Every structure is written in C-alpha cells, then in structure tokens.
Amino acid sequence: MFPWNWKMPFGKQNEHSIGGSFSPEHFQKYVDQMMNQMFPPQIKEMMSNPSSWSHRFNQHQGAADYSASPFSEKVFETHDDVFIRLTIEDKSWLHQMKISYTRNQCMIMDAPAEGDTWTIPLPSLVRKKGAKTVFKDNILEIKLPKSVEWQETEIELPPY
C-alpha cells in the first residue's frame, strides 16, 4: 500500500534474500551486523567498555595532561572575569615562573622546574589586556577579564 515498503530491508520481498521472516533476535543480529560494518574497531571497543574512554583520552593529551599538574588549579568564571587559582607549594617557583595566555587558554612555564609547561583551558574567551595576579596564603590567583566583543561580520547578498 505504501510506496516505501518495497525499499525497507525487512519487507515481504526481502525475506528470502536476507534469511526469512524477522523475529526480534533476527532483527538484533541484522542491526549488529550492519553496525559492525559501519564503525571501526576503536568505536566498537568504546561502546563495549565506556570506562576506556577517559583512559584513551588522557593517553593522547601529552604535555597538556591536566591531571598531572602540580598546582591543583581551580578555574571558574564570574559575569566579568575568569579566575585561575593555583596552589604554589614553594614560593621559589614564583621567581622562575612565567605566565602567558591566549584568548582561550593559559600557559604556565618554568614551574615547578625549568622547562615545564602547563596549559589550562579557559571556560570562555578573555581580553588581551587587563590580567592581574595576587599571591596570598600559597595561592596564586590569576584574574583575566572576559571578552565582551562579539566577532560579527555581515555577509553581503548578491543581487538577484
């Protein structure tokens, strides 16, 4: 009656080519077979073992492995600013530490040892100027003002 019935893989005309009428078990087997053909083995592994996701993600982080940071950083934002609080174990780190940032991440270099680099992603875009730091009770607080400018560009339409 409906024109799309003949296109379905489970219609009457396809029973013989696929292997007979479909029970729920046959249907599940058919779907599993199609999914195995569509997805690579890594996706199948992730679907069967969800706990491997975080392990595989952390494995590919390299230098940006946030869990290994010696600072136990806390990043949060208010309406106007993004704050990063770093626990500094030794005040001598401050003499060699260099801090720089882009619009979406903060980099901490040469702390605790020279040559170390730690990258902290920021929850929102920040301005290029206006950052401030405060050190008190072994906590270094970095205050970055949020960017409020929206990068908007008008697109001209062609005449018609």
N, C-alpha and C. Protein backbone atom coordinates (compact mmCIF):
# COMPACT_ATOMS: atom_id res chain seq x y z
N MET A 1 0.81 -1.18 0.00
CA MET A 1 0.00 0.00 0.00
C MET A 1 0.86 1.26 0.00
N PHE A 2 1.86 1.32 0.89
CA PHE A 2 2.74 2.50 0.92
C PHE A 2 3.93 2.27 -0.01
N PRO A 3 4.35 3.29 -0.73
CA PRO A 3 5.42 3.10 -1.71
C PRO A 3 6.78 2.79 -1.09
N TRP A 4 6.99 3.15 0.20
CA TRP A 4 8.30 2.90 0.77
C TRP A 4 8.46 1.48 1.32
N ASN A 5 7.42 0.70 1.36
CA ASN A 5 7.54 -0.67 1.87
C ASN A 5 8.52 -1.50 1.07
N TRP A 6 8.57 -1.28 -0.22
CA TRP A 6 9.47 -2.10 -1.03
C TRP A 6 10.93 -1.72 -0.83
N LYS A 7 11.22 -0.55 -0.23
CA LYS A 7 12.60 -0.12 0.00
C LYS A 7 13.13 -0.56 1.36
N MET A 8 12.28 -1.02 2.24
CA MET A 8 12.70 -1.40 3.57
C MET A 8 13.43 -2.74 3.53
N PRO A 9 14.47 -2.94 4.33
CA PRO A 9 15.21 -4.21 4.30
C PRO A 9 14.42 -5.37 4.91
N PHE A 10 13.30 -5.08 5.57
CA PHE A 10 12.58 -6.13 6.25
C PHE A 10 11.21 -6.40 5.62
N GLY A 11 10.98 -5.92 4.42
CA GLY A 11 9.69 -6.12 3.76
C GLY A 11 9.51 -7.54 3.26
N LYS A 12 8.32 -7.86 2.78
CA LYS A 12 8.00 -9.23 2.31
C LYS A 12 8.91 -9.66 1.18
N GLN A 13 9.22 -8.74 0.25
CA GLN A 13 10.02 -9.12 -0.91
C GLN A 13 11.47 -9.42 -0.54
N ASN A 14 11.96 -8.94 0.62
CA ASN A 14 13.34 -9.16 1.03
C ASN A 14 13.51 -10.31 2.01
N GLU A 15 12.44 -10.97 2.39
CA GLU A 15 12.54 -12.06 3.37
C GLU A 15 13.48 -13.16 2.89
N HIS A 16 13.43 -13.48 1.62
CA HIS A 16 14.24 -14.60 1.11
C HIS A 16 15.69 -14.19 0.94
N SER A 17 15.95 -12.94 0.55
CA SER A 17 17.34 -12.52 0.33
C SER A 17 18.09 -12.32 1.64
N ILE A 18 17.39 -11.97 2.71
CA ILE A 18 18.04 -11.71 3.99
C ILE A 18 18.05 -12.96 4.87
N GLY A 19 17.12 -13.81 4.73
CA GLY A 19 17.16 -15.03 5.52
C GLY A 19 15.87 -15.35 6.23
N GLY A 20 14.74 -15.06 5.67
CA GLY A 20 13.47 -15.44 6.27
C GLY A 20 12.81 -14.31 7.03
N SER A 21 11.72 -14.65 7.71
CA SER A 21 10.99 -13.62 8.45
C SER A 21 11.81 -13.18 9.66
N PHE A 22 11.54 -11.98 10.13
CA PHE A 22 12.35 -11.40 11.19
C PHE A 22 11.66 -11.50 12.54
N SER A 23 12.33 -12.17 13.44
CA SER A 23 11.92 -12.14 14.84
C SER A 23 12.80 -11.07 15.50
N PRO A 24 12.54 -10.69 16.74
CA PRO A 24 13.41 -9.71 17.39
C PRO A 24 14.88 -10.13 17.44
N GLU A 25 15.14 -11.42 17.59
CA GLU A 25 16.53 -11.90 17.62
C GLU A 25 17.19 -11.71 16.26
N HIS A 26 16.45 -12.04 15.17
CA HIS A 26 16.99 -11.85 13.83
C HIS A 26 17.24 -10.37 13.54
N PHE A 27 16.29 -9.56 13.98
CA PHE A 27 16.43 -8.12 13.76
C PHE A 27 17.68 -7.59 14.48
N GLN A 28 17.89 -8.00 15.74
CA GLN A 28 19.06 -7.56 16.51
C GLN A 28 20.35 -8.02 15.84
N LYS A 29 20.35 -9.26 15.35
CA LYS A 29 21.53 -9.79 14.67
C LYS A 29 21.83 -8.98 13.41
N TYR A 30 20.79 -8.63 12.67
CA TYR A 30 20.96 -7.85 11.45
C TYR A 30 21.51 -6.46 11.76
N VAL A 31 20.97 -5.81 12.79
CA VAL A 31 21.44 -4.47 13.17
C VAL A 31 22.89 -4.53 13.64
N ASP A 32 23.24 -5.52 14.46
CA ASP A 32 24.62 -5.68 14.91
C ASP A 32 25.58 -5.87 13.74
N GLN A 33 25.16 -6.66 12.77
CA GLN A 33 25.99 -6.91 11.59
C GLN A 33 26.20 -5.60 10.82
N MET A 34 25.16 -4.82 10.65
CA MET A 34 25.29 -3.55 9.94
C MET A 34 26.17 -2.56 10.72
N MET A 35 26.01 -2.52 12.03
CA MET A 35 26.82 -1.61 12.85
C MET A 35 28.30 -2.01 12.79
N ASN A 36 28.59 -3.30 12.80
CA ASN A 36 29.97 -3.76 12.71
C ASN A 36 30.61 -3.37 11.39
N GLN A 37 29.81 -3.32 10.35
CA GLN A 37 30.34 -2.92 9.05
C GLN A 37 30.55 -1.41 8.96
N MET A 38 29.78 -0.65 9.72
CA MET A 38 29.82 0.80 9.62
C MET A 38 30.91 1.45 10.48
N PHE A 39 31.20 0.89 11.67
CA PHE A 39 32.08 1.55 12.62
C PHE A 39 33.43 0.84 12.71
N PRO A 40 34.52 1.61 12.90
CA PRO A 40 35.83 0.99 13.07
C PRO A 40 35.94 0.27 14.41
N PRO A 41 36.95 -0.57 14.57
CA PRO A 41 37.09 -1.34 15.81
C PRO A 41 37.23 -0.48 17.07
N GLN A 42 37.83 0.72 16.96
CA GLN A 42 38.01 1.57 18.14
C GLN A 42 36.66 2.01 18.69
N ILE A 43 35.71 2.32 17.83
CA ILE A 43 34.39 2.73 18.28
C ILE A 43 33.67 1.56 18.94
N LYS A 44 33.82 0.38 18.38
CA LYS A 44 33.19 -0.80 18.99
C LYS A 44 33.76 -1.06 20.38
N GLU A 45 35.07 -0.86 20.55
CA GLU A 45 35.69 -1.05 21.86
C GLU A 45 35.14 -0.02 22.86
N MET A 46 34.99 1.22 22.42
CA MET A 46 34.48 2.26 23.31
C MET A 46 33.03 1.97 23.70
N MET A 47 32.24 1.45 22.78
CA MET A 47 30.84 1.16 23.08
C MET A 47 30.71 -0.03 24.05
N SER A 48 31.61 -0.99 23.94
CA SER A 48 31.53 -2.15 24.83
C SER A 48 32.15 -1.89 26.19
N ASN A 49 33.10 -0.91 26.27
CA ASN A 49 33.79 -0.62 27.52
C ASN A 49 33.89 0.90 27.71
N PRO A 50 32.84 1.56 28.21
CA PRO A 50 32.86 3.02 28.34
C PRO A 50 33.95 3.55 29.26
N SER A 51 34.44 2.76 30.20
CA SER A 51 35.49 3.26 31.09
C SER A 51 36.81 3.47 30.36
N SER A 52 36.96 2.90 29.19
CA SER A 52 38.19 3.09 28.42
C SER A 52 38.23 4.46 27.75
N TRP A 53 37.13 5.17 27.69
CA TRP A 53 37.09 6.49 27.05
C TRP A 53 38.07 7.44 27.72
N SER A 54 37.95 7.60 29.04
CA SER A 54 38.80 8.57 29.73
C SER A 54 40.26 8.13 29.66
N HIS A 55 40.51 6.83 29.73
CA HIS A 55 41.89 6.35 29.65
C HIS A 55 42.48 6.69 28.29
N ARG A 56 41.74 6.44 27.23
CA ARG A 56 42.22 6.72 25.89
C ARG A 56 42.39 8.23 25.68
N PHE A 57 41.48 9.04 26.24
CA PHE A 57 41.58 10.49 26.11
C PHE A 57 42.82 11.00 26.83
N ASN A 58 43.06 10.56 28.06
CA ASN A 58 44.22 11.01 28.83
C ASN A 58 45.52 10.55 28.21
N GLN A 59 45.48 9.41 27.51
CA GLN A 59 46.67 8.86 26.89
C GLN A 59 47.18 9.78 25.78
N HIS A 60 46.28 10.49 25.10
CA HIS A 60 46.65 11.33 23.96
C HIS A 60 46.85 12.79 24.34
N GLN A 61 46.81 13.13 25.61
CA GLN A 61 46.95 14.53 25.99
C GLN A 61 48.38 15.02 25.96
N GLY A 62 49.35 14.16 26.21
CA GLY A 62 50.75 14.55 26.16
C GLY A 62 51.09 15.62 27.17
N ALA A 63 51.64 16.74 26.70
CA ALA A 63 52.08 17.81 27.59
C ALA A 63 50.92 18.53 28.25
N ALA A 64 49.74 18.40 27.69
CA ALA A 64 48.58 19.10 28.25
C ALA A 64 47.80 18.20 29.19
N ASP A 65 48.47 17.31 29.87
CA ASP A 65 47.80 16.41 30.81
C ASP A 65 47.49 17.18 32.08
N TYR A 66 46.24 17.57 32.24
CA TYR A 66 45.84 18.44 33.34
C TYR A 66 45.86 17.72 34.69
N SER A 67 45.66 16.42 34.68
CA SER A 67 45.61 15.71 35.95
C SER A 67 46.99 15.64 36.61
N ALA A 68 48.07 15.78 35.84
CA ALA A 68 49.42 15.68 36.39
C ALA A 68 49.97 17.04 36.81
N SER A 69 49.17 18.07 36.73
CA SER A 69 49.63 19.41 37.09
C SER A 69 49.96 19.48 38.58
N PRO A 70 51.09 20.08 38.94
CA PRO A 70 51.48 20.17 40.35
C PRO A 70 50.76 21.29 41.10
N PHE A 71 49.90 22.04 40.43
CA PHE A 71 49.30 23.21 41.03
C PHE A 71 47.93 22.98 41.65
N SER A 72 47.27 21.90 41.35
CA SER A 72 45.87 21.65 41.75
C SER A 72 45.03 22.90 41.48
N GLU A 73 44.98 23.26 40.20
CA GLU A 73 44.34 24.51 39.80
C GLU A 73 42.81 24.42 39.88
N LYS A 74 42.22 25.57 40.11
CA LYS A 74 40.76 25.71 40.09
C LYS A 74 40.45 26.85 39.14
N VAL A 75 39.60 26.58 38.17
CA VAL A 75 39.23 27.58 37.18
C VAL A 75 37.73 27.82 37.32
N PHE A 76 37.36 29.09 37.44
CA PHE A 76 35.94 29.43 37.49
C PHE A 76 35.74 30.81 36.88
N GLU A 77 34.50 31.12 36.58
CA GLU A 77 34.22 32.40 35.95
C GLU A 77 33.07 33.10 36.65
N THR A 78 33.11 34.44 36.57
CA THR A 78 32.01 35.27 37.04
C THR A 78 31.43 35.93 35.79
N HIS A 79 30.56 36.92 36.00
CA HIS A 79 29.99 37.60 34.84
C HIS A 79 31.04 38.38 34.05
N ASP A 80 32.06 38.88 34.74
CA ASP A 80 33.03 39.76 34.09
C ASP A 80 34.43 39.17 33.93
N ASP A 81 34.79 38.16 34.72
CA ASP A 81 36.16 37.68 34.74
C ASP A 81 36.24 36.16 34.76
N VAL A 82 37.42 35.66 34.39
CA VAL A 82 37.78 34.26 34.56
C VAL A 82 38.90 34.21 35.59
N PHE A 83 38.77 33.36 36.59
CA PHE A 83 39.76 33.25 37.65
C PHE A 83 40.43 31.88 37.58
N ILE A 84 41.74 31.88 37.79
CA ILE A 84 42.51 30.65 37.92
C ILE A 84 43.23 30.74 39.25
N ARG A 85 43.02 29.76 40.10
CA ARG A 85 43.71 29.71 41.39
C ARG A 85 44.65 28.51 41.40
N LEU A 86 45.93 28.80 41.61
CA LEU A 86 46.96 27.78 41.63
C LEU A 86 47.54 27.67 43.03
N THR A 87 47.65 26.46 43.53
CA THR A 87 48.30 26.24 44.82
C THR A 87 49.79 26.12 44.57
N ILE A 88 50.55 27.03 45.15
CA ILE A 88 52.00 27.07 44.98
C ILE A 88 52.64 26.47 46.23
N GLU A 89 53.30 25.33 46.06
CA GLU A 89 53.90 24.64 47.21
C GLU A 89 55.16 25.34 47.71
N ASP A 90 55.92 25.92 46.79
CA ASP A 90 57.19 26.55 47.16
C ASP A 90 57.24 27.94 46.54
N LYS A 91 57.48 28.97 47.37
CA LYS A 91 57.48 30.35 46.88
C LYS A 91 58.60 30.61 45.86
N SER A 92 59.62 29.77 45.86
CA SER A 92 60.71 29.96 44.89
C SER A 92 60.22 29.72 43.46
N TRP A 93 59.11 29.01 43.30
CA TRP A 93 58.54 28.81 41.97
C TRP A 93 58.19 30.16 41.34
N LEU A 94 57.76 31.12 42.14
CA LEU A 94 57.31 32.41 41.62
C LEU A 94 58.44 33.18 40.94
N HIS A 95 59.68 32.97 41.37
CA HIS A 95 60.81 33.71 40.80
C HIS A 95 61.13 33.25 39.39
N GLN A 96 60.89 31.99 39.10
CA GLN A 96 61.22 31.47 37.77
C GLN A 96 59.98 31.28 36.89
N MET A 97 58.79 31.35 37.46
CA MET A 97 57.55 31.08 36.74
C MET A 97 57.23 32.19 35.75
N LYS A 98 56.77 31.80 34.57
CA LYS A 98 56.28 32.74 33.56
C LYS A 98 54.86 32.34 33.21
N ILE A 99 53.98 33.33 33.11
CA ILE A 99 52.58 33.07 32.78
C ILE A 99 52.23 33.87 31.54
N SER A 100 51.62 33.19 30.59
CA SER A 100 51.10 33.87 29.40
C SER A 100 49.73 33.28 29.09
N TYR A 101 48.97 33.97 28.26
CA TYR A 101 47.65 33.45 27.93
C TYR A 101 47.22 33.91 26.55
N THR A 102 46.35 33.12 25.96
CA THR A 102 45.70 33.47 24.71
C THR A 102 44.23 33.73 25.05
N ARG A 103 43.41 33.85 24.06
CA ARG A 103 42.00 34.13 24.29
C ARG A 103 41.26 32.95 24.91
N ASN A 104 41.82 31.73 24.80
CA ASN A 104 41.09 30.57 25.32
C ASN A 104 41.91 29.62 26.19
N GLN A 105 43.17 29.96 26.50
CA GLN A 105 43.96 29.10 27.38
C GLN A 105 45.05 29.90 28.07
N CYS A 106 45.49 29.37 29.21
CA CYS A 106 46.55 29.99 30.00
C CYS A 106 47.71 29.01 30.06
N MET A 107 48.92 29.51 29.82
CA MET A 107 50.12 28.68 29.85
C MET A 107 51.00 29.09 31.01
N ILE A 108 51.45 28.11 31.78
CA ILE A 108 52.35 28.35 32.90
C ILE A 108 53.65 27.63 32.57
N MET A 109 54.74 28.41 32.52
CA MET A 109 56.02 27.87 32.09
C MET A 109 57.06 27.97 33.20
N ASP A 110 58.02 27.07 33.15
CA ASP A 110 59.18 27.03 34.05
C ASP A 110 58.80 26.88 35.52
N ALA A 111 57.74 26.16 35.81
CA ALA A 111 57.39 25.87 37.19
C ALA A 111 56.77 24.47 37.24
N PRO A 112 57.06 23.67 38.19
CA PRO A 112 58.00 23.88 39.28
C PRO A 112 59.46 23.78 38.85
N ALA A 113 59.73 23.10 37.71
CA ALA A 113 61.11 23.01 37.24
C ALA A 113 61.24 23.76 35.92
N GLU A 114 62.44 24.20 35.63
CA GLU A 114 62.67 24.92 34.39
C GLU A 114 62.40 24.01 33.20
N GLY A 115 61.69 24.52 32.23
CA GLY A 115 61.33 23.73 31.05
C GLY A 115 59.94 23.12 31.11
N ASP A 116 59.32 23.09 32.28
CA ASP A 116 57.96 22.55 32.40
C ASP A 116 56.97 23.55 31.82
N THR A 117 55.96 23.04 31.14
CA THR A 117 54.90 23.88 30.60
C THR A 117 53.56 23.23 30.90
N TRP A 118 52.64 23.99 31.44
CA TRP A 118 51.30 23.50 31.76
C TRP A 118 50.29 24.39 31.05
N THR A 119 49.30 23.77 30.43
CA THR A 119 48.27 24.51 29.71
C THR A 119 46.94 24.30 30.41
N ILE A 120 46.24 25.39 30.67
CA ILE A 120 44.95 25.33 31.34
C ILE A 120 43.90 25.93 30.39
N PRO A 121 42.91 25.15 29.96
CA PRO A 121 41.87 25.70 29.10
C PRO A 121 40.96 26.64 29.88
N LEU A 122 40.52 27.69 29.24
CA LEU A 122 39.65 28.67 29.88
C LEU A 122 38.19 28.42 29.48
N PRO A 123 37.26 28.66 30.40
CA PRO A 123 35.85 28.37 30.11
C PRO A 123 35.19 29.35 29.14
N SER A 124 35.80 30.52 28.93
CA SER A 124 35.26 31.48 27.97
C SER A 124 36.40 32.34 27.43
N LEU A 125 36.13 33.09 26.39
CA LEU A 125 37.15 33.93 25.79
C LEU A 125 37.49 35.10 26.71
N VAL A 126 38.76 35.49 26.71
CA VAL A 126 39.20 36.59 27.56
C VAL A 126 39.85 37.67 26.70
N ARG A 127 39.97 38.88 27.28
CA ARG A 127 40.60 40.00 26.59
C ARG A 127 42.11 39.86 26.56
N LYS A 128 42.74 40.57 25.65
CA LYS A 128 44.20 40.52 25.53
C LYS A 128 44.88 41.26 26.66
N LYS A 129 44.29 42.31 27.16
CA LYS A 129 44.91 43.15 28.19
C LYS A 129 44.05 43.13 29.46
N GLY A 130 44.68 43.46 30.59
CA GLY A 130 43.94 43.64 31.82
C GLY A 130 44.06 42.51 32.82
N ALA A 131 44.98 41.55 32.60
CA ALA A 131 45.15 40.44 33.54
C ALA A 131 45.85 40.93 34.81
N LYS A 132 45.48 40.36 35.94
CA LYS A 132 46.10 40.71 37.22
C LYS A 132 46.36 39.44 38.01
N THR A 133 47.39 39.48 38.85
CA THR A 133 47.69 38.34 39.72
C THR A 133 47.80 38.81 41.15
N VAL A 134 47.43 37.92 42.07
CA VAL A 134 47.55 38.16 43.51
C VAL A 134 48.07 36.87 44.13
N PHE A 135 49.09 36.99 44.99
CA PHE A 135 49.61 35.83 45.71
C PHE A 135 49.35 36.01 47.19
N LYS A 136 48.63 35.06 47.78
CA LYS A 136 48.30 35.13 49.20
C LYS A 136 48.05 33.71 49.72
N ASP A 137 48.62 33.39 50.87
CA ASP A 137 48.44 32.09 51.52
C ASP A 137 48.74 30.92 50.58
N ASN A 138 49.87 31.01 49.89
CA ASN A 138 50.33 29.98 48.95
C ASN A 138 49.36 29.72 47.79
N ILE A 139 48.53 30.69 47.49
CA ILE A 139 47.62 30.57 46.35
C ILE A 139 47.86 31.75 45.42
N LEU A 140 48.17 31.44 44.18
CA LEU A 140 48.33 32.45 43.15
C LEU A 140 47.02 32.55 42.39
N GLU A 141 46.41 33.72 42.43
CA GLU A 141 45.14 33.93 41.74
C GLU A 141 45.39 34.79 40.51
N ILE A 142 44.98 34.27 39.37
CA ILE A 142 45.11 34.98 38.09
C ILE A 142 43.71 35.41 37.68
N LYS A 143 43.55 36.71 37.46
CA LYS A 143 42.25 37.26 37.07
C LYS A 143 42.35 37.75 35.63
N LEU A 144 41.53 37.16 34.75
CA LEU A 144 41.53 37.52 33.34
C LEU A 144 40.16 38.10 32.98
N PRO A 145 40.11 39.33 32.48
CA PRO A 145 38.81 39.91 32.12
C PRO A 145 38.22 39.22 30.89
N LYS A 146 36.93 38.95 30.96
CA LYS A 146 36.25 38.31 29.84
C LYS A 146 36.13 39.26 28.66
N SER A 147 36.11 38.68 27.49
CA SER A 147 35.90 39.45 26.28
C SER A 147 34.40 39.58 26.05
N VAL A 148 33.94 40.80 25.85
CA VAL A 148 32.51 41.01 25.62
C VAL A 148 32.21 41.34 24.17
N GLU A 149 33.25 41.46 23.37
CA GLU A 149 33.02 41.78 21.97
C GLU A 149 32.65 40.51 21.20
N TRP A 150 31.63 40.63 20.41
CA TRP A 150 31.20 39.52 19.58
C TRP A 150 31.77 39.76 18.19
N GLN A 151 32.47 38.81 17.69
CA GLN A 151 33.07 38.96 16.37
C GLN A 151 32.01 38.63 15.34
N GLU A 152 31.40 39.67 14.85
CA GLU A 152 30.29 39.50 13.91
C GLU A 152 30.66 40.18 12.60
N THR A 153 30.41 39.50 11.52
CA THR A 153 30.70 40.05 10.19
C THR A 153 29.45 39.90 9.34
N GLU A 154 29.08 40.99 8.68
CA GLU A 154 27.90 40.95 7.81
C GLU A 154 28.32 40.42 6.45
N ILE A 155 27.49 39.57 5.89
CA ILE A 155 27.75 38.98 4.58
C ILE A 155 26.83 39.65 3.57
N GLU A 156 27.43 40.16 2.52
CA GLU A 156 26.64 40.83 1.50
C GLU A 156 25.99 39.79 0.59
N LEU A 157 24.73 39.98 0.30
CA LEU A 157 24.00 39.08 -0.58
C LEU A 157 24.15 39.55 -2.02
N PRO A 158 24.26 38.62 -2.96
CA PRO A 158 24.37 39.04 -4.37
C PRO A 158 23.01 39.56 -4.87
N PRO A 159 23.04 40.51 -5.81
CA PRO A 159 21.76 40.99 -6.35
C PRO A 159 21.09 39.90 -7.18
N TYR A 160 19.79 39.89 -7.17
CA TYR A 160 19.06 38.89 -7.97
C TYR A 160 17.93 39.53 -8.71
